C-alpha cells in the first residue's frame, strides 16, 4: 500500500495478522505512534513505514518481538529519542534506514555487530523479499527489487546523533569504502 494518499493511524487490529510477512506503508500520510499490537506479527520480514508522519519513540518491541526482520525502514518520519539497543537483537537485519527523524544521543555499538550485516546473502530464499525498496546511496535514490537480498545498508543520516561513530560500523565486512 505504499505510494498512495492514505492517512490516519494504524489500527491496533493490525496485530491480529499473525502471519503477516510484509508491512509496506511507505510514502503515505500516516501519523501517530506504531500500535503496540504490531508486536504480535512476529513473522514480519519487512517493516517499511518510511516517508510518513509517524511520531513517538522507536518502539523497543521491534527488536524484542520481530526476530525475522530483514528490512527496517523508518526513514523520514518524526521519531524522537534514542536508537533503542533492542534493535541489535534483530540478527537477520541487513537493511536499517532510520534517517531523517529527530533521533538524538549516541549510536549503539551493537548496531555494527548485527550478524545480518556480516553475512553474504545469496538467492537461496528470495521469497522473503517482495516488491522493491528505495534506498539513498551516496545522495542518490536507488530503487532495488530483484537483487534486494544482496543489499546491506545502514542509514542513520539527518538526525541529531552525537558521540563517536562506533568502530564496529566502519569495519563491517562487505562494506564499500
C-alpha atoms as a PDB file:
ATOM      1  CA  UNK A   1       0.000   0.000   0.000  1.00  0.00           C
ATOM      2  CA  UNK A   2       2.957   2.321  -0.469  1.00  0.00           C
ATOM      3  CA  UNK A   3       2.923   5.459  -2.616  1.00  0.00           C
ATOM      4  CA  UNK A   4      -0.686   6.440  -2.027  1.00  0.00           C
ATOM      5  CA  UNK A   5      -2.510   9.209  -0.182  1.00  0.00           C
ATOM      6  CA  UNK A   6      -3.567   7.037   2.758  1.00  0.00           C
ATOM      7  CA  UNK A   7      -3.804   8.822   6.097  1.00  0.00           C
ATOM      8  CA  UNK A   8      -4.793   8.367   9.713  1.00  0.00           C
ATOM      9  CA  UNK A   9      -3.322   5.996  12.240  1.00  0.00           C
ATOM     10  CA  UNK A  10      -2.622   2.285  12.020  1.00  0.00           C
ATOM     11  CA  UNK A  11      -5.316   0.491  13.973  1.00  0.00           C
ATOM     12  CA  UNK A  12      -4.493  -1.907  16.810  1.00  0.00           C
ATOM     13  CA  UNK A  13      -6.316  -4.661  14.935  1.00  0.00           C
ATOM     14  CA  UNK A  14      -3.265  -4.999  12.674  1.00  0.00           C
ATOM     15  CA  UNK A  15      -1.763  -7.127  15.439  1.00  0.00           C
ATOM     16  CA  UNK A  16      -4.249  -9.879  14.648  1.00  0.00           C
ATOM     17  CA  UNK A  17      -2.475 -10.516  11.326  1.00  0.00           C
ATOM     18  CA  UNK A  18      -0.168 -13.052  12.946  1.00  0.00           C
ATOM     19  CA  UNK A  19       1.221 -14.405   9.667  1.00  0.00           C
ATOM     20  CA  UNK A  20       1.912 -11.020   8.083  1.00  0.00           C
ATOM     21  CA  UNK A  21       5.267 -11.116   6.281  1.00  0.00           C
ATOM     22  CA  UNK A  22       5.483  -7.630   4.726  1.00  0.00           C
ATOM     23  CA  UNK A  23       4.122  -4.340   6.026  1.00  0.00           C
ATOM     24  CA  UNK A  24       4.974  -1.751   3.423  1.00  0.00           C
ATOM     25  CA  UNK A  25       3.145   1.526   4.030  1.00  0.00           C
ATOM     26  CA  UNK A  26       5.809   3.962   2.859  1.00  0.00           C
ATOM     27  CA  UNK A  27       5.102   7.281   1.159  1.00  0.00           C
ATOM     28  CA  UNK A  28       1.662   7.976   2.578  1.00  0.00           C
ATOM     29  CA  UNK A  29       0.331  10.363   5.216  1.00  0.00           C
ATOM     30  CA  UNK A  30       0.055   8.018   8.201  1.00  0.00           C
ATOM     31  CA  UNK A  31       0.627   9.582  11.620  1.00  0.00           C
ATOM     32  CA  UNK A  32       0.657   8.762  15.313  1.00  0.00           C
ATOM     33  CA  UNK A  33       2.616   6.048  17.042  1.00  0.00           C
ATOM     34  CA  UNK A  34       3.046   2.488  15.872  1.00  0.00           C
ATOM     35  CA  UNK A  35       0.429   0.328  17.594  1.00  0.00           C
ATOM     36  CA  UNK A  36       1.972  -1.992  20.160  1.00  0.00           C
ATOM     37  CA  UNK A  37      -0.202  -4.832  18.824  1.00  0.00           C
ATOM     38  CA  UNK A  38       2.150  -4.968  15.839  1.00  0.00           C
ATOM     39  CA  UNK A  39       4.499  -6.860  18.142  1.00  0.00           C
ATOM     40  CA  UNK A  40       2.258  -9.884  17.581  1.00  0.00           C
ATOM     41  CA  UNK A  41       3.332 -10.011  13.912  1.00  0.00           C
ATOM     42  CA  UNK A  42       6.444 -11.994  14.759  1.00  0.00           C
ATOM     43  CA  UNK A  43       6.923 -13.344  11.233  1.00  0.00           C
ATOM     44  CA  UNK A  44       7.470  -9.950   9.587  1.00  0.00           C
ATOM     45  CA  UNK A  45      10.366  -9.883   7.121  1.00  0.00           C
ATOM     46  CA  UNK A  46       9.965  -6.260   6.119  1.00  0.00           C
ATOM     47  CA  UNK A  47       8.652  -3.251   8.045  1.00  0.00           C
ATOM     48  CA  UNK A  48       8.723  -0.212   5.784  1.00  0.00           C
ATOM     49  CA  UNK A  49       6.839   2.812   7.077  1.00  0.00           C
ATOM     50  CA  UNK A  50       9.212   5.410   5.680  1.00  0.00           C
ATOM     51  CA  UNK A  51       8.091   8.798   4.388  1.00  0.00           C
ATOM     52  CA  UNK A  52       5.078   9.260   6.636  1.00  0.00           C
ATOM     53  CA  UNK A  53       4.421  11.299   9.773  1.00  0.00           C
ATOM     54  CA  UNK A  54       4.814   8.672  12.495  1.00  0.00           C
ATOM     55  CA  UNK A  55       5.916  10.019  15.864  1.00  0.00           C
ATOM     56  CA  UNK A  56       6.974   8.931  19.333  1.00  0.00           C
ATOM     57  CA  UNK A  57       9.992   6.838  20.138  1.00  0.00           C
ATOM     58  CA  UNK A  58      11.123   3.877  18.082  1.00  0.00           C
ATOM     59  CA  UNK A  59       9.421   1.056  19.968  1.00  0.00           C
ATOM     60  CA  UNK A  60      11.722  -1.296  21.867  1.00  0.00           C
ATOM     61  CA  UNK A  61       9.406  -4.196  20.997  1.00  0.00           C
ATOM     62  CA  UNK A  62      10.583  -4.036  17.363  1.00  0.00           C
ATOM     63  CA  UNK A  63      13.875  -5.555  18.484  1.00  0.00           C
ATOM     64  CA  UNK A  64      12.326  -7.791  21.097  1.00  0.00           C
ATOM     65  CA  UNK A  65       9.416  -9.277  19.149  1.00  0.00           C
ATOM     66  CA  UNK A  66      10.241  -9.242  15.421  1.00  0.00           C
ATOM     67  CA  UNK A  67      13.137 -11.715  15.122  1.00  0.00           C
ATOM     68  CA  UNK A  68      12.607 -12.442  11.392  1.00  0.00           C
ATOM     69  CA  UNK A  69      13.000  -8.822  10.333  1.00  0.00           C
ATOM     70  CA  UNK A  70      15.357  -8.391   7.383  1.00  0.00           C
ATOM     71  CA  UNK A  71      14.410  -4.806   6.497  1.00  0.00           C
ATOM     72  CA  UNK A  72      13.551  -1.979   8.891  1.00  0.00           C
ATOM     73  CA  UNK A  73      12.857   1.313   7.149  1.00  0.00           C
ATOM     74  CA  UNK A  74      11.558   4.145   9.344  1.00  0.00           C
ATOM     75  CA  UNK A  75      13.072   6.901   7.178  1.00  0.00           C
ATOM     76  CA  UNK A  76      11.635  10.427   7.080  1.00  0.00           C
ATOM     77  CA  UNK A  77       9.172  10.408   9.967  1.00  0.00           C
ATOM     78  CA  UNK A  78       9.112  12.261  13.279  1.00  0.00           C
ATOM     79  CA  UNK A  79      10.520   9.618  15.611  1.00  0.00           C
ATOM     80  CA  UNK A  80      12.281  11.067  18.650  1.00  0.00           C
ATOM     81  CA  UNK A  81      14.511   9.784  21.424  1.00  0.00           C
ATOM     82  CA  UNK A  82      17.448   7.459  21.108  1.00  0.00           C
ATOM     83  CA  UNK A  83      18.069   4.430  18.925  1.00  0.00           C
ATOM     84  CA  UNK A  84      16.943   1.556  21.158  1.00  0.00           C
ATOM     85  CA  UNK A  85      19.665  -1.011  21.728  1.00  0.00           C
ATOM     86  CA  UNK A  86      16.960  -3.693  21.360  1.00  0.00           C
ATOM     87  CA  UNK A  87      17.359  -3.133  17.592  1.00  0.00           C
ATOM     88  CA  UNK A  88      20.571  -5.117  17.988  1.00  0.00           C
ATOM     89  CA  UNK A  89      18.530  -8.260  18.676  1.00  0.00           C
ATOM     90  CA  UNK A  90      17.461  -8.294  15.022  1.00  0.00           C
ATOM     91  CA  UNK A  91      20.200 -10.699  13.991  1.00  0.00           C
ATOM     92  CA  UNK A  92      18.906 -11.144  10.412  1.00  0.00           C
ATOM     93  CA  UNK A  93      18.557  -7.423   9.737  1.00  0.00           C
ATOM     94  CA  UNK A  94      20.629  -6.212   6.801  1.00  0.00           C
ATOM     95  CA  UNK A  95      18.814  -3.027   5.794  1.00  0.00           C
ATOM     96  CA  UNK A  96      18.372  -0.407   8.509  1.00  0.00           C
ATOM     97  CA  UNK A  97      17.199   3.055   7.495  1.00  0.00           C
ATOM     98  CA  UNK A  98      16.197   5.374  10.323  1.00  0.00           C
ATOM     99  CA  UNK A  99      17.419   8.541   8.650  1.00  0.00           C
ATOM    100  CA  UNK A 100      15.592  11.878   8.633  1.00  0.00           C
ATOM    101  CA  UNK A 101      13.984  11.651  12.062  1.00  0.00           C
ATOM    102  CA  UNK A 102      14.600  13.516  15.297  1.00  0.00           C
ATOM    103  CA  UNK A 103      16.772  10.911  16.981  1.00  0.00           C
ATOM    104  CA  UNK A 104      19.478  12.008  19.368  1.00  0.00           C
ATOM    105  CA  UNK A 105      22.150  10.645  21.669  1.00  0.00           C
ATOM    106  CA  UNK A 106      24.661   8.058  20.557  1.00  0.00           C
ATOM    107  CA  UNK A 107      24.714   5.197  18.072  1.00  0.00           C
ATOM    108  CA  UNK A 108      24.618   1.895  20.000  1.00  0.00           C
ATOM    109  CA  UNK A 109      27.876   0.000  19.469  1.00  0.00           C
ATOM    110  CA  UNK A 110      25.984  -3.211  18.886  1.00  0.00           C
ATOM    111  CA  UNK A 111      24.470  -1.914  15.610  1.00  0.00           C
ATOM    112  CA  UNK A 112      27.735  -2.751  13.855  1.00  0.00           C
ATOM    113  CA  UNK A 113      27.693  -6.249  15.315  1.00  0.00           C
ATOM    114  CA  UNK A 114      24.417  -7.322  13.741  1.00  0.00           C
ATOM    115  CA  UNK A 115      25.214 -10.628  12.082  1.00  0.00           C
ATOM    116  CA  UNK A 116      22.867  -9.899   9.160  1.00  0.00           C
ATOM    117  CA  UNK A 117      25.279  -7.201   8.012  1.00  0.00           C
ATOM    118  CA  UNK A 118      28.145  -9.665   8.149  1.00  0.00           C
ATOM    119  CA  UNK A 119      26.576 -12.454   6.095  1.00  0.00           C
ATOM    120  CA  UNK A 120      26.879 -12.683   2.347  1.00  0.00           C
ATOM    121  CA  UNK A 121      23.345 -13.134   1.125  1.00  0.00           C
ATOM    122  CA  UNK A 122      22.544 -15.490  -1.691  1.00  0.00           C
ATOM    123  CA  UNK A 123      19.429 -16.094  -3.716  1.00  0.00           C
ATOM    124  CA  UNK A 124      18.523 -19.124  -1.593  1.00  0.00           C
ATOM    125  CA  UNK A 125      15.259 -17.668  -0.344  1.00  0.00           C
ATOM    126  CA  UNK A 126      14.079 -14.750  -2.495  1.00  0.00           C
ATOM    127  CA  UNK A 127      10.511 -15.311  -1.268  1.00  0.00           C
ATOM    128  CA  UNK A 128      11.471 -13.340   1.834  1.00  0.00           C
ATOM    129  CA  UNK A 129      11.675 -10.241  -0.371  1.00  0.00           C
ATOM    130  CA  UNK A 130       8.619  -8.803  -2.029  1.00  0.00           C
ATOM    131  CA  UNK A 131       8.408  -5.727  -4.192  1.00  0.00           C
ATOM    132  CA  UNK A 132      11.094  -3.109  -4.246  1.00  0.00           C
ATOM    133  CA  UNK A 133      12.716  -0.706  -1.873  1.00  0.00           C
ATOM    134  CA  UNK A 134      14.110   2.762  -2.362  1.00  0.00           C
ATOM    135  CA  UNK A 135      17.356   3.472  -0.544  1.00  0.00           C
ATOM    136  CA  UNK A 136      19.550   6.528  -0.581  1.00  0.00           C
ATOM    137  CA  UNK A 137      23.125   5.705  -1.502  1.00  0.00           C
ATOM    138  CA  UNK A 138      25.706   8.499  -1.718  1.00  0.00           C
ATOM    139  CA  UNK A 139      22.955  11.085  -2.068  1.00  0.00           C
ATOM    140  CA  UNK A 140      21.137   9.272  -4.878  1.00  0.00           C
ATOM    141  CA  UNK A 141      17.828   7.450  -4.610  1.00  0.00           C
ATOM    142  CA  UNK A 142      18.317   3.876  -5.785  1.00  0.00           C
ATOM    143  CA  UNK A 143      15.421   1.501  -6.432  1.00  0.00           C
ATOM    144  CA  UNK A 144      16.151  -2.143  -5.599  1.00  0.00           C
ATOM    145  CA  UNK A 145      13.887  -5.054  -6.433  1.00  0.00           C
ATOM    146  CA  UNK A 146      15.135  -8.384  -7.769  1.00  0.00           C
ATOM    147  CA  UNK A 147      18.558  -8.110  -6.062  1.00  0.00           C
ATOM    148  CA  UNK A 148      17.349  -6.738  -2.727  1.00  0.00           C
ATOM    149  CA  UNK A 149      18.649  -9.768  -0.827  1.00  0.00           C
ATOM    150  CA  UNK A 150      22.213  -8.808  -1.838  1.00  0.00           C
ATOM    151  CA  UNK A 151      21.951  -5.292  -0.390  1.00  0.00           C
ATOM    152  CA  UNK A 152      23.399  -4.367   3.009  1.00  0.00           C
ATOM    153  CA  UNK A 153      22.657  -0.811   4.098  1.00  0.00           C
ATOM    154  CA  UNK A 154      22.656   1.333   7.228  1.00  0.00           C
ATOM    155  CA  UNK A 155      21.416   4.916   7.013  1.00  0.00           C
ATOM    156  CA  UNK A 156      21.358   6.979  10.195  1.00  0.00           C
ATOM    157  CA  UNK A 157      21.766  10.371   8.492  1.00  0.00           C
ATOM    158  CA  UNK A 158      19.872  13.607   9.171  1.00  0.00           C
ATOM    159  CA  UNK A 159      19.227  13.083  12.865  1.00  0.00           C
ATOM    160  CA  UNK A 160      20.790  14.773  15.886  1.00  0.00           C
ATOM    161  CA  UNK A 161      23.045  11.881  16.860  1.00  0.00           C
ATOM    162  CA  UNK A 162      26.201  12.674  18.821  1.00  0.00           C
ATOM    163  CA  UNK A 163      29.286  10.989  20.170  1.00  0.00           C
ATOM    164  CA  UNK A 164      31.682   8.691  18.383  1.00  0.00           C
ATOM    165  CA  UNK A 165      30.950   6.529  15.375  1.00  0.00           C
ATOM    166  CA  UNK A 166      31.328   3.003  16.759  1.00  0.00           C
ATOM    167  CA  UNK A 167      34.349   1.270  15.253  1.00  0.00           C
ATOM    168  CA  UNK A 168      32.124  -1.767  14.613  1.00  0.00           C
ATOM    169  CA  UNK A 169      30.306   0.267  11.948  1.00  0.00           C
ATOM    170  CA  UNK A 170      33.379   1.239   9.991  1.00  0.00           C
ATOM    171  CA  UNK A 171      34.838  -2.258   9.813  1.00  0.00           C
ATOM    172  CA  UNK A 172      31.787  -4.133   8.558  1.00  0.00           C
ATOM    173  CA  UNK A 173      32.743  -6.823   6.062  1.00  0.00           C
ATOM    174  CA  UNK A 174      31.442  -6.389   2.504  1.00  0.00           C
ATOM    175  CA  UNK A 175      31.103  -2.634   3.018  1.00  0.00           C
ATOM    176  CA  UNK A 176      32.025  -0.158   0.352  1.00  0.00           C
ATOM    177  CA  UNK A 177      34.760   2.345   1.328  1.00  0.00           C
END
